[in-house]
Amino acid sequence: MPTKKAPGRPIRTLVPATLEGMEVALKALANRRANRPEQIDNSRLYAGSDMYYYCISCGHESDVLPECHVFRPKKLCRECQALKDLGWLV
């Protein structure tokens, strides 16, 4: 399998985007959508607690940031972002 080295990151193996891989990934997405976790209500947490953000596609946790964060939270979890990068998530 081909490998890719990004600057400052370890070598990772790239899995080829095949139709079989797409079917498996979309089944996993359907499973994640069907089994959404209970979401934490940030307004009920104590002051200074971490803020929890959830994926707009599957509803799973996408980002946990401190209350005073200045960066925009991620809208997609890692799995859904990978599907979007491959063009499989619309």
C-alpha atoms as a PDB file:
ATOM      1  CA  MET A   1       0.000   0.000   0.000  1.00  0.00           C
ATOM      2  CA  PRO A   2       1.215   3.501  -0.687  1.00  0.00           C
ATOM      3  CA  THR A   3       2.377   5.619   2.211  1.00  0.00           C
ATOM      4  CA  LYS A   4       2.396   9.352   2.616  1.00  0.00           C
ATOM      5  CA  LYS A   5       4.593  11.477   4.870  1.00  0.00           C
ATOM      6  CA  ALA A   6       3.199  14.814   5.956  1.00  0.00           C
ATOM      7  CA  PRO A   7       5.613  17.355   7.424  1.00  0.00           C
ATOM      8  CA  GLY A   8       5.824  16.903  11.183  1.00  0.00           C
ATOM      9  CA  ARG A   9       3.517  13.875  11.184  1.00  0.00           C
ATOM     10  CA  PRO A  10       4.230  10.143  11.291  1.00  0.00           C
ATOM     11  CA  ILE A  11       3.986   8.001   8.171  1.00  0.00           C
ATOM     12  CA  ARG A  12       0.477   6.648   7.652  1.00  0.00           C
ATOM     13  CA  THR A  13      -0.868   4.019   5.321  1.00  0.00           C
ATOM     14  CA  LEU A  14      -3.455   5.160   2.805  1.00  0.00           C
ATOM     15  CA  VAL A  15      -6.370   2.828   2.173  1.00  0.00           C
ATOM     16  CA  PRO A  16      -7.481   2.932  -1.448  1.00  0.00           C
ATOM     17  CA  ALA A  17     -10.958   4.399  -1.970  1.00  0.00           C
ATOM     18  CA  THR A  18     -12.848   1.504  -3.520  1.00  0.00           C
ATOM     19  CA  LEU A  19     -16.535   0.792  -3.898  1.00  0.00           C
ATOM     20  CA  GLU A  20     -16.216  -1.982  -1.314  1.00  0.00           C
ATOM     21  CA  GLY A  21     -14.601   0.458   1.107  1.00  0.00           C
ATOM     22  CA  MET A  22     -17.343   2.980   0.397  1.00  0.00           C
ATOM     23  CA  GLU A  23     -20.059   0.438   1.220  1.00  0.00           C
ATOM     24  CA  VAL A  24     -18.379  -0.451   4.525  1.00  0.00           C
ATOM     25  CA  ALA A  25     -17.880   3.223   5.435  1.00  0.00           C
ATOM     26  CA  LEU A  26     -21.482   4.167   4.624  1.00  0.00           C
ATOM     27  CA  LYS A  27     -22.786   1.217   6.659  1.00  0.00           C
ATOM     28  CA  ALA A  28     -20.661   2.402   9.584  1.00  0.00           C
ATOM     29  CA  LEU A  29     -22.100   5.921   9.116  1.00  0.00           C
ATOM     30  CA  ALA A  30     -25.652   4.551   9.164  1.00  0.00           C
ATOM     31  CA  ASN A  31     -24.781   2.641  12.347  1.00  0.00           C
ATOM     32  CA  ARG A  32     -23.365   5.802  13.985  1.00  0.00           C
ATOM     33  CA  ARG A  33     -26.484   7.770  13.002  1.00  0.00           C
ATOM     34  CA  ALA A  34     -28.748   5.072  14.459  1.00  0.00           C
ATOM     35  CA  ASN A  35     -26.776   4.916  17.730  1.00  0.00           C
ATOM     36  CA  ARG A  36     -26.385   8.574  18.657  1.00  0.00           C
ATOM     37  CA  PRO A  37     -24.993   9.126  22.155  1.00  0.00           C
ATOM     38  CA  GLU A  38     -26.769  11.287  24.693  1.00  0.00           C
ATOM     39  CA  GLN A  39     -25.484  14.810  24.151  1.00  0.00           C
ATOM     40  CA  ILE A  40     -24.188  16.945  26.996  1.00  0.00           C
ATOM     41  CA  ASP A  41     -26.033  20.226  27.509  1.00  0.00           C
ATOM     42  CA  ASN A  42     -23.258  22.816  27.802  1.00  0.00           C
ATOM     43  CA  SER A  43     -25.579  25.312  29.525  1.00  0.00           C
ATOM     44  CA  ARG A  44     -25.974  22.950  32.499  1.00  0.00           C
ATOM     45  CA  LEU A  45     -22.233  22.611  33.146  1.00  0.00           C
ATOM     46  CA  TYR A  46     -20.287  24.591  35.740  1.00  0.00           C
ATOM     47  CA  ALA A  47     -18.519  27.780  34.688  1.00  0.00           C
ATOM     48  CA  GLY A  48     -15.103  26.991  33.242  1.00  0.00           C
ATOM     49  CA  SER A  49     -16.087  23.477  32.129  1.00  0.00           C
ATOM     50  CA  ASP A  50     -15.091  22.171  28.722  1.00  0.00           C
ATOM     51  CA  MET A  51     -17.584  22.766  25.913  1.00  0.00           C
ATOM     52  CA  TYR A  52     -18.795  19.758  23.925  1.00  0.00           C
ATOM     53  CA  TYR A  53     -19.580  19.980  20.205  1.00  0.00           C
ATOM     54  CA  TYR A  54     -21.224  17.316  18.080  1.00  0.00           C
ATOM     55  CA  CYS A  55     -20.983  16.202  14.462  1.00  0.00           C
ATOM     56  CA  ILE A  56     -23.682  17.671  12.216  1.00  0.00           C
ATOM     57  CA  SER A  57     -23.796  14.452  10.205  1.00  0.00           C
ATOM     58  CA  CYS A  58     -23.879  11.604  12.731  1.00  0.00           C
ATOM     59  CA  GLY A  59     -24.371  13.319  16.103  1.00  0.00           C
ATOM     60  CA  HIS A  60     -21.247  11.931  17.773  1.00  0.00           C
ATOM     61  CA  GLU A  61     -18.712  14.103  19.578  1.00  0.00           C
ATOM     62  CA  SER A  62     -16.628  16.146  17.160  1.00  0.00           C
ATOM     63  CA  ASP A  63     -14.747  18.503  19.449  1.00  0.00           C
ATOM     64  CA  VAL A  64     -14.158  19.295  23.133  1.00  0.00           C
ATOM     65  CA  LEU A  65     -12.777  22.771  23.772  1.00  0.00           C
ATOM     66  CA  PRO A  66     -12.196  24.900  26.864  1.00  0.00           C
ATOM     67  CA  GLU A  67     -14.913  27.422  27.641  1.00  0.00           C
ATOM     68  CA  CYS A  68     -12.712  30.348  26.602  1.00  0.00           C
ATOM     69  CA  HIS A  69     -11.781  28.904  23.181  1.00  0.00           C
ATOM     70  CA  VAL A  70     -11.131  31.288  20.285  1.00  0.00           C
ATOM     71  CA  PHE A  71     -11.055  28.756  17.461  1.00  0.00           C
ATOM     72  CA  ARG A  72     -14.162  27.531  15.685  1.00  0.00           C
ATOM     73  CA  PRO A  73     -15.107  23.980  16.745  1.00  0.00           C
ATOM     74  CA  LYS A  74     -15.087  21.175  14.190  1.00  0.00           C
ATOM     75  CA  LYS A  75     -18.451  20.532  12.549  1.00  0.00           C
ATOM     76  CA  LEU A  76     -17.668  16.939  11.582  1.00  0.00           C
ATOM     77  CA  CYS A  77     -16.171  14.079  13.580  1.00  0.00           C
ATOM     78  CA  ARG A  78     -13.030  12.340  12.246  1.00  0.00           C
ATOM     79  CA  GLU A  79     -14.979   9.548  10.541  1.00  0.00           C
ATOM     80  CA  CYS A  80     -17.410  11.895   8.774  1.00  0.00           C
ATOM     81  CA  GLN A  81     -14.592  14.276   7.788  1.00  0.00           C
ATOM     82  CA  ALA A  82     -12.785  11.360   6.130  1.00  0.00           C
ATOM     83  CA  LEU A  83     -15.973  10.490   4.211  1.00  0.00           C
ATOM     84  CA  LYS A  84     -16.362  14.121   3.133  1.00  0.00           C
ATOM     85  CA  ASP A  85     -12.726  14.286   1.987  1.00  0.00           C
ATOM     86  CA  LEU A  86     -13.348  11.230  -0.206  1.00  0.00           C
ATOM     87  CA  GLY A  87     -16.525  12.794  -1.618  1.00  0.00           C
ATOM     88  CA  TRP A  88     -18.766  10.127  -0.067  1.00  0.00           C
ATOM     89  CA  LEU A  89     -20.570  12.455   2.351  1.00  0.00           C
ATOM     90  CA  VAL A  90     -22.857  15.005   0.802  1.00  0.00           C
END
